[in-house]
N, C-alpha and C. Protein backbone atom coordinates (compact mmCIF):
# COMPACT_ATOMS: atom_id res chain seq x y z
N GLU A 1 152.35 347.56 31.55
CA GLU A 1 153.44 348.52 31.42
C GLU A 1 153.24 349.71 32.37
N ALA A 2 152.00 350.16 32.52
CA ALA A 2 151.73 351.30 33.41
C ALA A 2 152.07 350.96 34.86
N CYS A 3 151.77 349.74 35.26
CA CYS A 3 152.09 349.33 36.64
C CYS A 3 153.59 349.28 36.86
N LYS A 4 154.32 348.87 35.84
CA LYS A 4 155.78 348.84 35.95
C LYS A 4 156.33 350.26 36.13
N LEU A 5 155.84 351.18 35.32
CA LEU A 5 156.31 352.57 35.41
C LEU A 5 155.95 353.19 36.75
N GLU A 6 154.75 352.91 37.23
CA GLU A 6 154.33 353.44 38.53
C GLU A 6 155.16 352.82 39.65
N GLY A 7 155.40 351.52 39.56
CA GLY A 7 156.24 350.85 40.56
C GLY A 7 157.65 351.41 40.58
N ASN A 8 158.20 351.66 39.39
CA ASN A 8 159.54 352.24 39.31
C ASN A 8 159.58 353.61 39.98
N ALA A 9 158.55 354.42 39.73
CA ALA A 9 158.49 355.75 40.35
C ALA A 9 158.39 355.65 41.87
N LYS A 10 157.62 354.69 42.34
CA LYS A 10 157.48 354.50 43.79
C LYS A 10 158.81 354.06 44.40
N LEU A 11 159.54 353.18 43.71
CA LEU A 11 160.85 352.76 44.21
C LEU A 11 161.79 353.94 44.33
N ILE A 12 161.82 354.76 43.29
CA ILE A 12 162.70 355.94 43.31
C ILE A 12 162.33 356.86 44.46
N ALA A 13 161.03 356.97 44.75
CA ALA A 13 160.56 357.84 45.83
C ALA A 13 160.74 357.21 47.21
N GLY A 14 161.20 355.96 47.25
CA GLY A 14 161.40 355.29 48.53
C GLY A 14 160.13 354.70 49.12
N GLU A 15 159.10 354.61 48.32
CA GLU A 15 157.82 354.04 48.76
C GLU A 15 157.79 352.55 48.39
N ASP A 16 158.57 351.78 49.14
CA ASP A 16 158.81 350.39 48.78
C ASP A 16 157.57 349.51 48.84
N ARG A 17 156.75 349.67 49.85
CA ARG A 17 155.52 348.86 49.95
C ARG A 17 154.58 349.18 48.80
N ALA A 18 154.42 350.46 48.50
CA ALA A 18 153.56 350.87 47.38
C ALA A 18 154.12 350.35 46.06
N ALA A 19 155.45 350.36 45.92
CA ALA A 19 156.07 349.85 44.70
C ALA A 19 155.78 348.36 44.54
N SER A 20 155.96 347.61 45.62
CA SER A 20 155.68 346.18 45.58
C SER A 20 154.23 345.92 45.18
N ASP A 21 153.32 346.71 45.72
CA ASP A 21 151.91 346.56 45.38
C ASP A 21 151.64 346.86 43.91
N CYS A 22 152.29 347.89 43.36
CA CYS A 22 152.13 348.23 41.94
C CYS A 22 152.61 347.09 41.06
N TYR A 23 153.79 346.57 41.38
CA TYR A 23 154.32 345.47 40.58
C TYR A 23 153.41 344.25 40.66
N GLU A 24 152.90 343.95 41.85
CA GLU A 24 151.99 342.80 41.99
C GLU A 24 150.72 343.01 41.18
N GLN A 25 150.21 344.22 41.19
CA GLN A 25 149.02 344.52 40.38
C GLN A 25 149.32 344.28 38.90
N GLY A 26 150.50 344.67 38.45
CA GLY A 26 150.89 344.44 37.07
C GLY A 26 151.05 342.97 36.75
N ILE A 27 151.63 342.21 37.69
CA ILE A 27 151.78 340.76 37.50
C ILE A 27 150.42 340.11 37.34
N GLN A 28 149.50 340.45 38.23
CA GLN A 28 148.16 339.86 38.15
C GLN A 28 147.44 340.24 36.87
N ALA A 29 147.59 341.49 36.45
CA ALA A 29 146.96 341.95 35.21
C ALA A 29 147.54 341.20 34.01
N ALA A 30 148.85 341.03 34.01
CA ALA A 30 149.50 340.31 32.90
C ALA A 30 149.03 338.87 32.83
N ILE A 31 148.92 338.24 33.99
CA ILE A 31 148.45 336.85 34.03
C ILE A 31 147.00 336.76 33.54
N CYS A 32 146.18 337.71 33.97
CA CYS A 32 144.78 337.74 33.53
C CYS A 32 144.67 337.92 32.02
N GLU A 33 145.65 338.63 31.44
CA GLU A 33 145.66 338.86 29.99
C GLU A 33 146.24 337.66 29.23
N GLY A 34 146.64 336.65 29.96
CA GLY A 34 147.13 335.43 29.33
C GLY A 34 148.64 335.33 29.20
N LEU A 35 149.37 336.30 29.74
CA LEU A 35 150.83 336.20 29.70
C LEU A 35 151.30 335.16 30.71
N SER A 36 152.17 334.29 30.27
CA SER A 36 152.73 333.30 31.19
C SER A 36 154.23 333.44 31.30
N GLY A 37 154.79 334.38 30.58
CA GLY A 37 156.23 334.60 30.61
C GLY A 37 156.57 335.83 29.80
N GLY A 38 157.83 335.99 29.52
CA GLY A 38 158.28 337.11 28.70
C GLY A 38 158.89 338.24 29.50
N ARG A 39 159.35 339.21 28.74
CA ARG A 39 160.12 340.31 29.30
C ARG A 39 159.35 341.15 30.32
N LEU A 40 158.12 341.54 29.98
CA LEU A 40 157.36 342.41 30.89
C LEU A 40 157.10 341.72 32.23
N LEU A 41 156.65 340.49 32.18
CA LEU A 41 156.37 339.77 33.43
C LEU A 41 157.66 339.60 34.24
N SER A 42 158.76 339.35 33.56
CA SER A 42 160.04 339.23 34.24
C SER A 42 160.44 340.55 34.91
N GLN A 43 160.26 341.65 34.20
CA GLN A 43 160.61 342.96 34.76
C GLN A 43 159.74 343.31 35.95
N LEU A 44 158.46 342.99 35.88
CA LEU A 44 157.56 343.24 37.01
C LEU A 44 158.00 342.44 38.23
N ARG A 45 158.34 341.18 38.02
CA ARG A 45 158.75 340.33 39.14
C ARG A 45 160.10 340.77 39.71
N SER A 46 160.99 341.20 38.84
CA SER A 46 162.29 341.68 39.30
C SER A 46 162.14 343.00 40.07
N GLY A 47 161.28 343.87 39.59
CA GLY A 47 161.02 345.12 40.32
C GLY A 47 160.41 344.87 41.68
N LYS A 48 159.47 343.93 41.72
CA LYS A 48 158.86 343.58 43.00
C LYS A 48 159.92 343.02 43.94
N ALA A 49 160.83 342.23 43.41
CA ALA A 49 161.91 341.67 44.23
C ALA A 49 162.76 342.79 44.84
N GLN A 50 163.06 343.81 44.06
CA GLN A 50 163.85 344.93 44.59
C GLN A 50 163.12 345.60 45.75
N ALA A 51 161.82 345.82 45.57
CA ALA A 51 161.03 346.43 46.65
C ALA A 51 161.02 345.53 47.88
N LEU A 52 160.86 344.24 47.67
CA LEU A 52 160.83 343.30 48.79
C LEU A 52 162.17 343.24 49.51
N LEU A 53 163.26 343.31 48.75
CA LEU A 53 164.58 343.35 49.39
C LEU A 53 164.70 344.56 50.29
N ARG A 54 164.25 345.70 49.82
CA ARG A 54 164.32 346.92 50.63
C ARG A 54 163.44 346.81 51.88
N LEU A 55 162.36 346.04 51.76
CA LEU A 55 161.46 345.85 52.89
C LEU A 55 161.95 344.76 53.85
N GLY A 56 163.03 344.09 53.48
CA GLY A 56 163.58 343.06 54.35
C GLY A 56 163.01 341.67 54.15
N ASP A 57 162.26 341.46 53.08
CA ASP A 57 161.67 340.16 52.82
C ASP A 57 162.47 339.44 51.74
N ALA A 58 163.65 338.97 52.13
CA ALA A 58 164.56 338.33 51.18
C ALA A 58 163.99 337.02 50.63
N GLU A 59 163.23 336.30 51.43
CA GLU A 59 162.65 335.02 50.96
C GLU A 59 161.70 335.25 49.79
N ALA A 60 160.80 336.20 49.94
CA ALA A 60 159.86 336.50 48.85
C ALA A 60 160.59 337.08 47.65
N ALA A 61 161.61 337.89 47.90
CA ALA A 61 162.40 338.46 46.81
C ALA A 61 163.10 337.35 46.02
N PHE A 62 163.64 336.38 46.73
CA PHE A 62 164.31 335.25 46.09
C PHE A 62 163.35 334.51 45.15
N LYS A 63 162.15 334.27 45.63
CA LYS A 63 161.14 333.57 44.82
C LYS A 63 160.76 334.39 43.60
N CYS A 64 160.59 335.70 43.78
CA CYS A 64 160.26 336.58 42.64
C CYS A 64 161.36 336.52 41.59
N CYS A 65 162.60 336.51 42.03
CA CYS A 65 163.72 336.49 41.09
C CYS A 65 163.79 335.16 40.33
N ALA A 66 163.53 334.08 41.01
CA ALA A 66 163.52 332.78 40.34
C ALA A 66 162.45 332.77 39.25
N GLU A 67 161.29 333.32 39.54
CA GLU A 67 160.22 333.41 38.54
C GLU A 67 160.60 334.37 37.42
N ALA A 68 161.25 335.48 37.77
CA ALA A 68 161.65 336.47 36.77
C ALA A 68 162.65 335.86 35.78
N VAL A 69 163.62 335.11 36.28
CA VAL A 69 164.61 334.47 35.41
C VAL A 69 163.94 333.42 34.53
N ALA A 70 162.99 332.69 35.08
CA ALA A 70 162.25 331.70 34.28
C ALA A 70 161.46 332.39 33.17
N ASN A 71 160.94 333.58 33.44
CA ASN A 71 160.17 334.32 32.44
C ASN A 71 161.06 334.92 31.35
N ASP A 72 162.26 335.34 31.72
CA ASP A 72 163.18 335.95 30.76
C ASP A 72 164.62 335.70 31.22
N PRO A 73 165.27 334.69 30.64
CA PRO A 73 166.64 334.36 31.05
C PRO A 73 167.66 335.46 30.75
N LEU A 74 167.28 336.50 30.05
CA LEU A 74 168.20 337.60 29.75
C LEU A 74 168.07 338.78 30.71
N ASN A 75 167.23 338.65 31.74
CA ASN A 75 167.02 339.73 32.70
C ASN A 75 168.14 339.73 33.74
N GLY A 76 169.17 340.52 33.47
CA GLY A 76 170.34 340.56 34.35
C GLY A 76 170.04 341.04 35.75
N LYS A 77 169.11 341.99 35.87
CA LYS A 77 168.76 342.49 37.21
C LYS A 77 168.15 341.39 38.06
N ALA A 78 167.41 340.49 37.45
CA ALA A 78 166.78 339.39 38.20
C ALA A 78 167.85 338.46 38.78
N TYR A 79 168.89 338.20 38.00
CA TYR A 79 169.99 337.36 38.52
C TYR A 79 170.68 338.05 39.70
N TRP A 80 170.99 339.33 39.52
CA TRP A 80 171.69 340.08 40.57
C TRP A 80 170.85 340.13 41.85
N ARG A 81 169.58 340.47 41.70
CA ARG A 81 168.71 340.58 42.87
C ARG A 81 168.48 339.22 43.52
N GLY A 82 168.39 338.17 42.70
CA GLY A 82 168.24 336.83 43.25
C GLY A 82 169.45 336.41 44.05
N ALA A 83 170.64 336.69 43.54
CA ALA A 83 171.87 336.37 44.26
C ALA A 83 171.96 337.19 45.54
N THR A 84 171.57 338.45 45.47
CA THR A 84 171.58 339.31 46.66
C THR A 84 170.63 338.75 47.73
N ALA A 85 169.43 338.36 47.30
CA ALA A 85 168.46 337.79 48.24
C ALA A 85 169.00 336.51 48.86
N ALA A 86 169.61 335.66 48.04
CA ALA A 86 170.16 334.41 48.54
C ALA A 86 171.25 334.66 49.59
N MET A 87 172.09 335.65 49.36
CA MET A 87 173.13 335.97 50.33
C MET A 87 172.53 336.49 51.63
N LYS A 88 171.47 337.28 51.53
CA LYS A 88 170.81 337.77 52.75
C LYS A 88 170.19 336.63 53.53
N LEU A 89 169.84 335.55 52.83
CA LEU A 89 169.26 334.37 53.47
C LEU A 89 170.34 333.37 53.90
N ASP A 90 171.61 333.75 53.74
CA ASP A 90 172.75 332.89 54.07
C ASP A 90 172.72 331.59 53.26
N ARG A 91 172.45 331.76 51.95
CA ARG A 91 172.42 330.62 51.03
C ARG A 91 173.42 330.88 49.89
N PRO A 92 174.71 330.82 50.18
CA PRO A 92 175.70 331.15 49.16
C PRO A 92 175.66 330.23 47.94
N LYS A 93 175.31 328.97 48.12
CA LYS A 93 175.22 328.07 46.96
C LYS A 93 174.11 328.50 46.02
N LYS A 94 172.99 328.93 46.57
CA LYS A 94 171.89 329.43 45.74
C LYS A 94 172.30 330.73 45.04
N ALA A 95 173.04 331.58 45.74
CA ALA A 95 173.54 332.82 45.13
C ALA A 95 174.43 332.49 43.95
N ALA A 96 175.32 331.50 44.13
CA ALA A 96 176.21 331.11 43.05
C ALA A 96 175.43 330.55 41.86
N GLU A 97 174.35 329.82 42.14
CA GLU A 97 173.52 329.30 41.05
C GLU A 97 172.91 330.44 40.22
N PHE A 98 172.52 331.51 40.88
CA PHE A 98 171.99 332.66 40.16
C PHE A 98 173.05 333.31 39.27
N CYS A 99 174.30 333.16 39.66
CA CYS A 99 175.38 333.81 38.92
C CYS A 99 175.90 332.99 37.75
N ARG A 100 175.41 331.81 37.59
CA ARG A 100 175.90 330.94 36.49
C ARG A 100 175.25 331.28 35.18
């Protein structure tokens, strides 16, 4: 949870690389604690995707969003960010799949 809050603060401050790193640290910590899914892991992956989108890495953002949706199918931001990443990659069919 602390990594998520720190990542969110970094995103707001425009420190996208630092935000991505915070979210990744949280993802790794959650996995080490035995989490394999759920809301927190989904939020961390979705936050990392937002940072990656801002950094221009739509491919990695797309993958993060797919994992985020798998972790929590109710994470609306993950769907939106995944569709956005897919459109940046010129994959409209994949974007539409995220919107279903």
